[in-house]
Amino acid sequence: LKLVTNQICSKLVERLILHATDEQLKTIFKAFNNHFVSLIHHKYASHC
């Protein structure tokens, strides 16, 4: 969560999402649970 809201690290998170396996994708999705509303209103996290 703190990586995805950081200007530099959000680019890394997006690259990780693009290259993640199916199980890794679900793990990332679960990490964002209950915080999606904050993330989609954020300048950098919304792209991820």
All heavy atoms as atom14 arrays in JSON, in Angstrom:
{
  "sequence": "LKLVTNQICSKLVERLILHATDEQLKTIFKAFNNHFVSLIHHKYASHC",
  "atom14_mask": [
    [1, 1, 1, 1, 1, 1, 1, 1, 0, 0, 0, 0, 0, 0],
    [1, 1, 1, 1, 1, 1, 1, 1, 1, 0, 0, 0, 0, 0],
    [1, 1, 1, 1, 1, 1, 1, 1, 0, 0, 0, 0, 0, 0],
    [1, 1, 1, 1, 1, 1, 1, 0, 0, 0, 0, 0, 0, 0],
    [1, 1, 1, 1, 1, 1, 1, 0, 0, 0, 0, 0, 0, 0],
    [1, 1, 1, 1, 1, 1, 1, 1, 0, 0, 0, 0, 0, 0],
    [1, 1, 1, 1, 1, 1, 1, 1, 1, 0, 0, 0, 0, 0],
    [1, 1, 1, 1, 1, 1, 1, 1, 0, 0, 0, 0, 0, 0],
    [1, 1, 1, 1, 1, 1, 0, 0, 0, 0, 0, 0, 0, 0],
    [1, 1, 1, 1, 1, 1, 0, 0, 0, 0, 0, 0, 0, 0],
    [1, 1, 1, 1, 1, 1, 1, 1, 1, 0, 0, 0, 0, 0],
    [1, 1, 1, 1, 1, 1, 1, 1, 0, 0, 0, 0, 0, 0],
    [1, 1, 1, 1, 1, 1, 1, 0, 0, 0, 0, 0, 0, 0],
    [1, 1, 1, 1, 1, 1, 1, 1, 1, 0, 0, 0, 0, 0],
    [1, 1, 1, 1, 1, 1, 1, 1, 1, 1, 1, 0, 0, 0],
    [1, 1, 1, 1, 1, 1, 1, 1, 0, 0, 0, 0, 0, 0],
    [1, 1, 1, 1, 1, 1, 1, 1, 0, 0, 0, 0, 0, 0],
    [1, 1, 1, 1, 1, 1, 1, 1, 0, 0, 0, 0, 0, 0],
    [1, 1, 1, 1, 1, 1, 1, 1, 1, 1, 0, 0, 0, 0],
    [1, 1, 1, 1, 1, 0, 0, 0, 0, 0, 0, 0, 0, 0],
    [1, 1, 1, 1, 1, 1, 1, 0, 0, 0, 0, 0, 0, 0],
    [1, 1, 1, 1, 1, 1, 1, 1, 0, 0, 0, 0, 0, 0],
    [1, 1, 1, 1, 1, 1, 1, 1, 1, 0, 0, 0, 0, 0],
    [1, 1, 1, 1, 1, 1, 1, 1, 1, 0, 0, 0, 0, 0],
    [1, 1, 1, 1, 1, 1, 1, 1, 0, 0, 0, 0, 0, 0],
    [1, 1, 1, 1, 1, 1, 1, 1, 1, 0, 0, 0, 0, 0],
    [1, 1, 1, 1, 1, 1, 1, 0, 0, 0, 0, 0, 0, 0],
    [1, 1, 1, 1, 1, 1, 1, 1, 0, 0, 0, 0, 0, 0],
    [1, 1, 1, 1, 1, 1, 1, 1, 1, 1, 1, 0, 0, 0],
    [1, 1, 1, 1, 1, 1, 1, 1, 1, 0, 0, 0, 0, 0],
    [1, 1, 1, 1, 1, 0, 0, 0, 0, 0, 0, 0, 0, 0],
    [1, 1, 1, 1, 1, 1, 1, 1, 1, 1, 1, 0, 0, 0],
    [1, 1, 1, 1, 1, 1, 1, 1, 0, 0, 0, 0, 0, 0],
    [1, 1, 1, 1, 1, 1, 1, 1, 0, 0, 0, 0, 0, 0],
    [1, 1, 1, 1, 1, 1, 1, 1, 1, 1, 0, 0, 0, 0],
    [1, 1, 1, 1, 1, 1, 1, 1, 1, 1, 1, 0, 0, 0],
    [1, 1, 1, 1, 1, 1, 1, 0, 0, 0, 0, 0, 0, 0],
    [1, 1, 1, 1, 1, 1, 0, 0, 0, 0, 0, 0, 0, 0],
    [1, 1, 1, 1, 1, 1, 1, 1, 0, 0, 0, 0, 0, 0],
    [1, 1, 1, 1, 1, 1, 1, 1, 0, 0, 0, 0, 0, 0],
    [1, 1, 1, 1, 1, 1, 1, 1, 1, 1, 0, 0, 0, 0],
    [1, 1, 1, 1, 1, 1, 1, 1, 1, 1, 0, 0, 0, 0],
    [1, 1, 1, 1, 1, 1, 1, 1, 1, 0, 0, 0, 0, 0],
    [1, 1, 1, 1, 1, 1, 1, 1, 1, 1, 1, 1, 0, 0],
    [1, 1, 1, 1, 1, 0, 0, 0, 0, 0, 0, 0, 0, 0],
    [1, 1, 1, 1, 1, 1, 0, 0, 0, 0, 0, 0, 0, 0],
    [1, 1, 1, 1, 1, 1, 1, 1, 1, 1, 0, 0, 0, 0],
    [1, 1, 1, 1, 1, 1, 0, 0, 0, 0, 0, 0, 0, 0]
  ],
  "atom14_positions": [
    [[0.82, -1.22, 0.0], [0.0, 0.0, 0.0], [0.85, 1.27, 0.0], [0.54, 2.24, -0.69], [-0.95, -0.01, 1.2], [-2.01, -1.12, 1.17], [-2.79, -1.15, 2.47], [-2.95, -0.93, -0.01], [0.0, 0.0, 0.0], [0.0, 0.0, 0.0], [0.0, 0.0, 0.0], [0.0, 0.0, 0.0], [0.0, 0.0, 0.0], [0.0, 0.0, 0.0]],
    [[1.94, 1.27, 0.76], [2.78, 2.48, 0.74], [3.63, 2.55, -0.53], [4.0, 3.64, -0.96], [3.66, 2.55, 1.99], [4.73, 1.49, 2.13], [5.54, 1.75, 3.4], [6.67, 0.74, 3.56], [7.47, 1.0, 4.79], [0.0, 0.0, 0.0], [0.0, 0.0, 0.0], [0.0, 0.0, 0.0], [0.0, 0.0, 0.0], [0.0, 0.0, 0.0]],
    [[3.89, 1.4, -1.14], [4.62, 1.4, -2.41], [3.75, 1.94, -3.54], [4.2, 2.72, -4.38], [5.1, -0.02, -2.76], [6.2, -0.62, -1.91], [6.49, -2.05, -2.35], [7.47, 0.21, -1.97], [0.0, 0.0, 0.0], [0.0, 0.0, 0.0], [0.0, 0.0, 0.0], [0.0, 0.0, 0.0], [0.0, 0.0, 0.0], [0.0, 0.0, 0.0]],
    [[2.49, 1.53, -3.55], [1.61, 1.89, -4.66], [1.22, 3.36, -4.63], [0.8, 3.92, -5.65], [0.37, 0.98, -4.67], [-0.67, 1.44, -3.66], [-0.24, 0.88, -6.05], [0.0, 0.0, 0.0], [0.0, 0.0, 0.0], [0.0, 0.0, 0.0], [0.0, 0.0, 0.0], [0.0, 0.0, 0.0], [0.0, 0.0, 0.0], [0.0, 0.0, 0.0]],
    [[1.35, 4.02, -3.48], [1.03, 5.44, -3.38], [2.27, 6.31, -3.48], [2.19, 7.53, -3.31], [0.3, 5.74, -2.06], [1.05, 5.19, -0.96], [-1.1, 5.14, -2.06], [0.0, 0.0, 0.0], [0.0, 0.0, 0.0], [0.0, 0.0, 0.0], [0.0, 0.0, 0.0], [0.0, 0.0, 0.0], [0.0, 0.0, 0.0], [0.0, 0.0, 0.0]],
    [[3.43, 5.7, -3.75], [4.68, 6.44, -3.93], [4.92, 6.65, -5.43], [4.74, 5.73, -6.23], [5.84, 5.66, -3.31], [7.17, 6.36, -3.47], [7.81, 6.26, -4.51], [7.59, 7.06, -2.43], [0.0, 0.0, 0.0], [0.0, 0.0, 0.0], [0.0, 0.0, 0.0], [0.0, 0.0, 0.0], [0.0, 0.0, 0.0], [0.0, 0.0, 0.0]],
    [[5.34, 7.86, -5.82], [5.48, 8.19, -7.23], [6.43, 7.23, -7.95], [6.14, 6.75, -9.05], [5.98, 9.63, -7.39], [6.13, 10.04, -8.85], [6.57, 11.48, -9.0], [6.85, 12.15, -8.01], [6.65, 11.96, -10.22], [0.0, 0.0, 0.0], [0.0, 0.0, 0.0], [0.0, 0.0, 0.0], [0.0, 0.0, 0.0], [0.0, 0.0, 0.0]],
    [[7.59, 6.95, -7.35], [8.58, 6.08, -8.0], [8.18, 4.62, -7.89], [8.19, 3.87, -8.88], [9.97, 6.33, -7.38], [10.42, 7.77, -7.65], [10.99, 5.33, -7.94], [11.7, 8.15, -6.95], [0.0, 0.0, 0.0], [0.0, 0.0, 0.0], [0.0, 0.0, 0.0], [0.0, 0.0, 0.0], [0.0, 0.0, 0.0], [0.0, 0.0, 0.0]],
    [[7.8, 4.2, -6.71], [7.53, 2.78, -6.48], [6.24, 2.32, -7.14], [6.07, 1.12, -7.4], [7.47, 2.5, -4.98], [9.04, 2.8, -4.14], [0.0, 0.0, 0.0], [0.0, 0.0, 0.0], [0.0, 0.0, 0.0], [0.0, 0.0, 0.0], [0.0, 0.0, 0.0], [0.0, 0.0, 0.0], [0.0, 0.0, 0.0], [0.0, 0.0, 0.0]],
    [[5.31, 3.23, -7.42], [4.07, 2.83, -8.08], [4.36, 2.29, -9.48], [3.66, 1.39, -9.97], [3.1, 4.0, -8.16], [3.64, 5.06, -8.94], [0.0, 0.0, 0.0], [0.0, 0.0, 0.0], [0.0, 0.0, 0.0], [0.0, 0.0, 0.0], [0.0, 0.0, 0.0], [0.0, 0.0, 0.0], [0.0, 0.0, 0.0], [0.0, 0.0, 0.0]],
    [[5.41, 2.82, -10.14], [5.79, 2.29, -11.45], [6.27, 0.85, -11.32], [5.99, 0.0, -12.18], [6.88, 3.16, -12.08], [6.42, 4.56, -12.44], [7.48, 5.33, -13.2], [8.64, 5.71, -12.32], [9.63, 6.54, -13.03], [0.0, 0.0, 0.0], [0.0, 0.0, 0.0], [0.0, 0.0, 0.0], [0.0, 0.0, 0.0], [0.0, 0.0, 0.0]],
    [[7.02, 0.57, -10.24], [7.47, -0.81, -10.0], [6.29, -1.73, -9.77], [6.22, -2.84, -10.33], [8.4, -0.84, -8.78], [8.75, -2.24, -8.26], [9.56, -3.01, -9.29], [9.51, -2.14, -6.93], [0.0, 0.0, 0.0], [0.0, 0.0, 0.0], [0.0, 0.0, 0.0], [0.0, 0.0, 0.0], [0.0, 0.0, 0.0], [0.0, 0.0, 0.0]],
    [[5.32, -1.3, -8.94], [4.15, -2.14, -8.65], [3.39, -2.45, -9.94], [2.95, -3.59, -10.16], [3.22, -1.45, -7.63], [1.94, -2.24, -7.43], [3.94, -1.27, -6.3], [0.0, 0.0, 0.0], [0.0, 0.0, 0.0], [0.0, 0.0, 0.0], [0.0, 0.0, 0.0], [0.0, 0.0, 0.0], [0.0, 0.0, 0.0], [0.0, 0.0, 0.0]],
    [[3.27, -1.46, -10.83], [2.56, -1.69, -12.08], [3.3, -2.7, -12.96], [2.69, -3.56, -13.59], [2.35, -0.38, -12.82], [1.4, -0.5, -14.0], [0.91, 0.84, -14.51], [1.33, 1.88, -13.98], [0.12, 0.83, -15.48], [0.0, 0.0, 0.0], [0.0, 0.0, 0.0], [0.0, 0.0, 0.0], [0.0, 0.0, 0.0], [0.0, 0.0, 0.0]],
    [[4.63, -2.61, -12.98], [5.4, -3.59, -13.76], [5.27, -4.99, -13.16], [5.18, -5.98, -13.88], [6.87, -3.18, -13.8], [7.14, -1.9, -14.58], [8.63, -1.68, -14.76], [8.93, -0.32, -15.15], [8.84, 0.15, -16.4], [8.45, -0.66, -17.37], [9.13, 1.4, -16.68], [0.0, 0.0, 0.0], [0.0, 0.0, 0.0], [0.0, 0.0, 0.0]],
    [[5.25, -5.06, -11.84], [5.07, -6.36, -11.18], [3.71, -6.96, -11.51], [3.59, -8.17, -11.74], [5.23, -6.2, -9.65], [6.62, -5.84, -9.14], [6.57, -5.56, -7.64], [7.62, -6.95, -9.44], [0.0, 0.0, 0.0], [0.0, 0.0, 0.0], [0.0, 0.0, 0.0], [0.0, 0.0, 0.0], [0.0, 0.0, 0.0], [0.0, 0.0, 0.0]],
    [[2.67, -6.12, -11.54], [1.33, -6.61, -11.89], [1.31, -7.15, -13.31], [0.71, -8.2, -13.59], [0.3, -5.47, -11.72], [0.14, -5.11, -10.25], [-1.05, -5.86, -12.33], [-0.68, -3.85, -10.0], [0.0, 0.0, 0.0], [0.0, 0.0, 0.0], [0.0, 0.0, 0.0], [0.0, 0.0, 0.0], [0.0, 0.0, 0.0], [0.0, 0.0, 0.0]],
    [[2.0, -6.47, -14.23], [2.02, -6.9, -15.63], [2.72, -8.25, -15.8], [2.37, -9.03, -16.68], [2.71, -5.84, -16.5], [1.91, -4.56, -16.76], [2.8, -3.49, -17.37], [0.73, -4.84, -17.68], [0.0, 0.0, 0.0], [0.0, 0.0, 0.0], [0.0, 0.0, 0.0], [0.0, 0.0, 0.0], [0.0, 0.0, 0.0], [0.0, 0.0, 0.0]],
    [[3.74, -8.53, -14.95], [4.52, -9.76, -15.1], [4.13, -10.84, -14.09], [4.7, -11.94, -14.13], [6.01, -9.46, -14.93], [6.56, -8.56, -16.0], [6.57, -8.9, -17.33], [7.11, -7.32, -15.92], [7.11, -7.92, -18.03], [7.44, -6.94, -17.21], [0.0, 0.0, 0.0], [0.0, 0.0, 0.0], [0.0, 0.0, 0.0], [0.0, 0.0, 0.0]],
    [[3.18, -10.57, -13.21], [2.83, -11.52, -12.14], [2.1, -12.74, -12.69], [1.4, -12.68, -13.7], [1.96, -10.82, -11.1], [0.0, 0.0, 0.0], [0.0, 0.0, 0.0], [0.0, 0.0, 0.0], [0.0, 0.0, 0.0], [0.0, 0.0, 0.0], [0.0, 0.0, 0.0], [0.0, 0.0, 0.0], [0.0, 0.0, 0.0], [0.0, 0.0, 0.0]],
    [[2.28, -13.87, -11.99], [1.52, -15.07, -12.32], [0.1, -14.92, -11.78], [-0.22, -13.96, -11.07], [2.18, -16.31, -11.69], [2.14, -16.17, -10.25], [3.63, -16.46, -12.14], [0.0, 0.0, 0.0], [0.0, 0.0, 0.0], [0.0, 0.0, 0.0], [0.0, 0.0, 0.0], [0.0, 0.0, 0.0], [0.0, 0.0, 0.0], [0.0, 0.0, 0.0]],
    [[-0.75, -15.89, -12.08], [-2.15, -15.81, -11.64], [-2.25, -15.75, -10.12], [-3.01, -14.95, -9.56], [-2.93, -17.01, -12.17], [-3.02, -17.02, -13.69], [-2.71, -15.97, -14.29], [-3.41, -18.05, -14.27], [0.0, 0.0, 0.0], [0.0, 0.0, 0.0], [0.0, 0.0, 0.0], [0.0, 0.0, 0.0], [0.0, 0.0, 0.0], [0.0, 0.0, 0.0]],
    [[-1.48, -16.6, -9.43], [-1.53, -16.62, -7.97], [-0.97, -15.34, -7.38], [-1.48, -14.8, -6.39], [-0.77, -17.85, -7.43], [-1.45, -19.17, -7.72], [-2.88, -19.22, -7.19], [-3.11, -18.75, -6.05], [-3.77, -19.69, -7.91], [0.0, 0.0, 0.0], [0.0, 0.0, 0.0], [0.0, 0.0, 0.0], [0.0, 0.0, 0.0], [0.0, 0.0, 0.0]],
    [[0.11, -14.83, -7.97], [0.69, -13.57, -7.5], [-0.29, -12.41, -7.7], [-0.38, -11.51, -6.87], [2.0, -13.3, -8.23], [3.12, -14.24, -7.84], [4.33, -14.12, -8.75], [4.24, -13.56, -9.84], [5.47, -14.67, -8.32], [0.0, 0.0, 0.0], [0.0, 0.0, 0.0], [0.0, 0.0, 0.0], [0.0, 0.0, 0.0], [0.0, 0.0, 0.0]],
    [[-1.03, -12.47, -8.81], [-2.02, -11.43, -9.09], [-3.1, -11.4, -8.01], [-3.49, -10.33, -7.52], [-2.65, -11.7, -10.46], [-3.37, -10.54, -11.15], [-2.36, -9.47, -11.56], [-4.12, -11.04, -12.37], [0.0, 0.0, 0.0], [0.0, 0.0, 0.0], [0.0, 0.0, 0.0], [0.0, 0.0, 0.0], [0.0, 0.0, 0.0], [0.0, 0.0, 0.0]],
    [[-3.55, -12.58, -7.62], [-4.56, -12.65, -6.56], [-4.01, -12.15, -5.22], [-4.72, -11.5, -4.45], [-5.06, -14.09, -6.42], [-5.93, -14.56, -7.57], [-6.45, -15.96, -7.31], [-7.35, -16.44, -8.45], [-7.86, -17.79, -8.22], [0.0, 0.0, 0.0], [0.0, 0.0, 0.0], [0.0, 0.0, 0.0], [0.0, 0.0, 0.0], [0.0, 0.0, 0.0]],
    [[-2.75, -12.45, -4.96], [-2.13, -11.98, -3.71], [-2.1, -10.46, -3.66], [-2.4, -9.85, -2.62], [-0.69, -12.55, -3.61], [-0.75, -13.97, -3.65], [-0.04, -12.11, -2.31], [0.0, 0.0, 0.0], [0.0, 0.0, 0.0], [0.0, 0.0, 0.0], [0.0, 0.0, 0.0], [0.0, 0.0, 0.0], [0.0, 0.0, 0.0], [0.0, 0.0, 0.0]],
    [[-1.73, -9.83, -4.79], [-1.72, -8.36, -4.85], [-3.14, -7.82, -4.67], [-3.37, -6.83, -3.96], [-1.12, -7.89, -6.18], [0.34, -8.33, -6.3], [-1.23, -6.37, -6.32], [0.95, -8.08, -7.66], [0.0, 0.0, 0.0], [0.0, 0.0, 0.0], [0.0, 0.0, 0.0], [0.0, 0.0, 0.0], [0.0, 0.0, 0.0], [0.0, 0.0, 0.0]],
    [[-4.1, -8.47, -5.32], [-5.5, -8.04, -5.22], [-5.98, -8.09, -3.77], [-6.63, -7.15, -3.29], [-6.37, -8.95, -6.1], [-7.63, -8.3, -6.58], [-7.74, -7.8, -7.87], [-8.74, -8.17, -5.75], [-8.9, -7.2, -8.32], [-9.91, -7.57, -6.18], [-9.99, -7.08, -7.48], [0.0, 0.0, 0.0], [0.0, 0.0, 0.0], [0.0, 0.0, 0.0]],
    [[-5.61, -9.17, -3.07], [-6.03, -9.3, -1.67], [-5.36, -8.24, -0.79], [-5.95, -7.77, 0.19], [-5.68, -10.7, -1.16], [-6.52, -11.81, -1.79], [-6.02, -13.18, -1.36], [-6.79, -14.3, -2.06], [-6.25, -15.64, -1.71], [0.0, 0.0, 0.0], [0.0, 0.0, 0.0], [0.0, 0.0, 0.0], [0.0, 0.0, 0.0], [0.0, 0.0, 0.0]],
    [[-4.12, -7.87, -1.15], [-3.42, -6.84, -0.37], [-4.11, -5.49, -0.47], [-4.01, -4.66, 0.44], [-1.97, -6.75, -0.85], [0.0, 0.0, 0.0], [0.0, 0.0, 0.0], [0.0, 0.0, 0.0], [0.0, 0.0, 0.0], [0.0, 0.0, 0.0], [0.0, 0.0, 0.0], [0.0, 0.0, 0.0], [0.0, 0.0, 0.0], [0.0, 0.0, 0.0]],
    [[-4.8, -5.25, -1.59], [-5.5, -3.97, -1.8], [-6.92, -3.98, -1.22], [-7.56, -2.92, -1.17], [-5.59, -3.65, -3.29], [-4.27, -3.3, -3.93], [-4.18, -3.13, -5.3], [-3.12, -3.13, -3.17], [-2.98, -2.8, -5.9], [-1.91, -2.81, -3.75], [-1.83, -2.64, -5.13], [0.0, 0.0, 0.0], [0.0, 0.0, 0.0], [0.0, 0.0, 0.0]],
    [[-7.42, -5.14, -0.82], [-8.8, -5.24, -0.32], [-9.04, -4.26, 0.83], [-8.16, -4.04, 1.68], [-9.07, -6.67, 0.18], [-9.65, -7.54, -0.93], [-10.13, -7.04, -1.95], [-9.59, -8.85, -0.75], [0.0, 0.0, 0.0], [0.0, 0.0, 0.0], [0.0, 0.0, 0.0], [0.0, 0.0, 0.0], [0.0, 0.0, 0.0], [0.0, 0.0, 0.0]],
    [[-10.25, -3.7, 0.84], [-10.7, -2.72, 1.84], [-9.99, -1.37, 1.73], [-10.24, -0.48, 2.54], [-10.54, -3.27, 3.27], [-11.35, -4.53, 3.49], [-12.49, -4.63, 3.04], [-10.75, -5.5, 4.18], [0.0, 0.0, 0.0], [0.0, 0.0, 0.0], [0.0, 0.0, 0.0], [0.0, 0.0, 0.0], [0.0, 0.0, 0.0], [0.0, 0.0, 0.0]],
    [[-9.11, -1.23, 0.74], [-8.44, 0.06, 0.53], [-8.58, 0.52, -0.92], [-7.93, 1.5, -1.31], [-6.96, -0.06, 0.89], [-6.7, -0.46, 2.31], [-6.93, 0.39, 3.38], [-6.27, -1.63, 2.85], [-6.64, -0.22, 4.51], [-6.23, -1.45, 4.22], [0.0, 0.0, 0.0], [0.0, 0.0, 0.0], [0.0, 0.0, 0.0], [0.0, 0.0, 0.0]],
    [[-9.38, -0.18, -1.7], [-9.51, 0.16, -3.11], [-10.03, 1.58, -3.32], [-9.6, 2.28, -4.24], [-10.43, -0.84, -3.82], [-9.72, -2.06, -4.32], [-9.96, -3.31, -3.78], [-8.79, -1.97, -5.35], [-9.3, -4.42, -4.24], [-8.13, -3.09, -5.83], [-8.38, -4.33, -5.27], [0.0, 0.0, 0.0], [0.0, 0.0, 0.0], [0.0, 0.0, 0.0]],
    [[-10.97, 2.02, -2.5], [-11.56, 3.34, -2.69], [-10.5, 4.43, -2.55], [-10.42, 5.37, -3.35], [-12.71, 3.57, -1.69], [-13.26, 4.99, -1.82], [-13.82, 2.56, -1.93], [0.0, 0.0, 0.0], [0.0, 0.0, 0.0], [0.0, 0.0, 0.0], [0.0, 0.0, 0.0], [0.0, 0.0, 0.0], [0.0, 0.0, 0.0], [0.0, 0.0, 0.0]],
    [[-9.64, 4.3, -1.54], [-8.55, 5.26, -1.38], [-7.59, 5.21, -2.55], [-7.12, 6.24, -3.04], [-7.79, 4.97, -0.08], [-8.59, 5.22, 1.04], [0.0, 0.0, 0.0], [0.0, 0.0, 0.0], [0.0, 0.0, 0.0], [0.0, 0.0, 0.0], [0.0, 0.0, 0.0], [0.0, 0.0, 0.0], [0.0, 0.0, 0.0], [0.0, 0.0, 0.0]],
    [[-7.29, 4.01, -3.02], [-6.3, 3.85, -4.09], [-6.79, 4.42, -5.42], [-6.02, 5.04, -6.15], [-5.94, 2.37, -4.25], [-5.28, 1.7, -3.03], [-4.97, 0.24, -3.33], [-4.02, 2.44, -2.61], [0.0, 0.0, 0.0], [0.0, 0.0, 0.0], [0.0, 0.0, 0.0], [0.0, 0.0, 0.0], [0.0, 0.0, 0.0], [0.0, 0.0, 0.0]],
    [[-8.07, 4.21, -5.75], [-8.55, 4.67, -7.06], [-8.75, 6.18, -7.09], [-8.9, 6.77, -8.16], [-9.87, 3.96, -7.46], [-10.98, 4.29, -6.49], [-9.65, 2.48, -7.61], [-12.29, 3.62, -6.83], [0.0, 0.0, 0.0], [0.0, 0.0, 0.0], [0.0, 0.0, 0.0], [0.0, 0.0, 0.0], [0.0, 0.0, 0.0], [0.0, 0.0, 0.0]],
    [[-8.73, 6.83, -5.92], [-8.79, 8.29, -5.87], [-7.4, 8.9, -5.81], [-7.27, 10.13, -5.72], [-9.6, 8.76, -4.65], [-11.08, 8.6, -4.8], [-11.71, 7.38, -4.65], [-12.06, 9.49, -5.1], [-13.01, 7.53, -4.83], [-13.26, 8.8, -5.12], [0.0, 0.0, 0.0], [0.0, 0.0, 0.0], [0.0, 0.0, 0.0], [0.0, 0.0, 0.0]],
    [[-6.36, 8.07, -5.85], [-4.99, 8.55, -5.7], [-4.32, 8.72, -7.06], [-4.53, 7.93, -7.98], [-4.18, 7.56, -4.85], [-2.85, 8.08, -4.41], [-1.72, 7.98, -5.19], [-2.47, 8.7, -3.26], [-0.7, 8.53, -4.55], [-1.12, 8.97, -3.38], [0.0, 0.0, 0.0], [0.0, 0.0, 0.0], [0.0, 0.0, 0.0], [0.0, 0.0, 0.0]],
    [[-3.48, 9.75, -7.19], [-2.87, 10.1, -8.47], [-2.04, 8.96, -9.05], [-2.11, 8.67, -10.26], [-2.0, 11.34, -8.29], [-1.33, 11.83, -9.57], [-0.56, 13.12, -9.33], [0.05, 13.63, -10.62], [0.78, 14.91, -10.42], [0.0, 0.0, 0.0], [0.0, 0.0, 0.0], [0.0, 0.0, 0.0], [0.0, 0.0, 0.0], [0.0, 0.0, 0.0]],
    [[-1.24, 8.28, -8.22], [-0.35, 7.23, -8.73], [-0.96, 5.84, -8.58], [-0.85, 5.0, -9.48], [0.99, 7.29, -7.99], [1.63, 8.65, -8.04], [1.9, 9.36, -6.86], [1.94, 9.26, -9.25], [2.46, 10.63, -6.9], [2.5, 10.53, -9.3], [2.76, 11.2, -8.12], [3.32, 12.46, -8.17], [0.0, 0.0, 0.0], [0.0, 0.0, 0.0]],
    [[-1.61, 5.59, -7.46], [-2.15, 4.26, -7.21], [-3.27, 3.9, -8.18], [-3.46, 2.72, -8.51], [-2.66, 4.17, -5.77], [0.0, 0.0, 0.0], [0.0, 0.0, 0.0], [0.0, 0.0, 0.0], [0.0, 0.0, 0.0], [0.0, 0.0, 0.0], [0.0, 0.0, 0.0], [0.0, 0.0, 0.0], [0.0, 0.0, 0.0], [0.0, 0.0, 0.0]],
    [[-4.01, 4.9, -8.67], [-5.15, 4.6, -9.55], [-4.7, 3.9, -10.83], [-5.4, 3.01, -11.33], [-5.89, 5.9, -9.9], [-5.02, 6.82, -10.54], [0.0, 0.0, 0.0], [0.0, 0.0, 0.0], [0.0, 0.0, 0.0], [0.0, 0.0, 0.0], [0.0, 0.0, 0.0], [0.0, 0.0, 0.0], [0.0, 0.0, 0.0], [0.0, 0.0, 0.0]],
    [[-3.51, 4.24, -11.35], [-3.01, 3.58, -12.55], [-2.71, 2.1, -12.29], [-2.95, 1.25, -13.13], [-1.75, 4.29, -13.06], [-2.0, 5.67, -13.55], [-2.61, 5.94, -14.74], [-1.73, 6.88, -12.99], [-2.71, 7.25, -14.92], [-2.18, 7.84, -13.86], [0.0, 0.0, 0.0], [0.0, 0.0, 0.0], [0.0, 0.0, 0.0], [0.0, 0.0, 0.0]],
    [[-2.16, 1.83, -11.1], [-1.87, 0.43, -10.74], [-3.15, -0.37, -10.6], [-3.22, -1.53, -11.03], [-1.08, 0.38, -9.43], [0.54, 1.16, -9.52], [0.0, 0.0, 0.0], [0.0, 0.0, 0.0], [0.0, 0.0, 0.0], [0.0, 0.0, 0.0], [0.0, 0.0, 0.0], [0.0, 0.0, 0.0], [0.0, 0.0, 0.0], [0.0, 0.0, 0.0]]
  ]
}
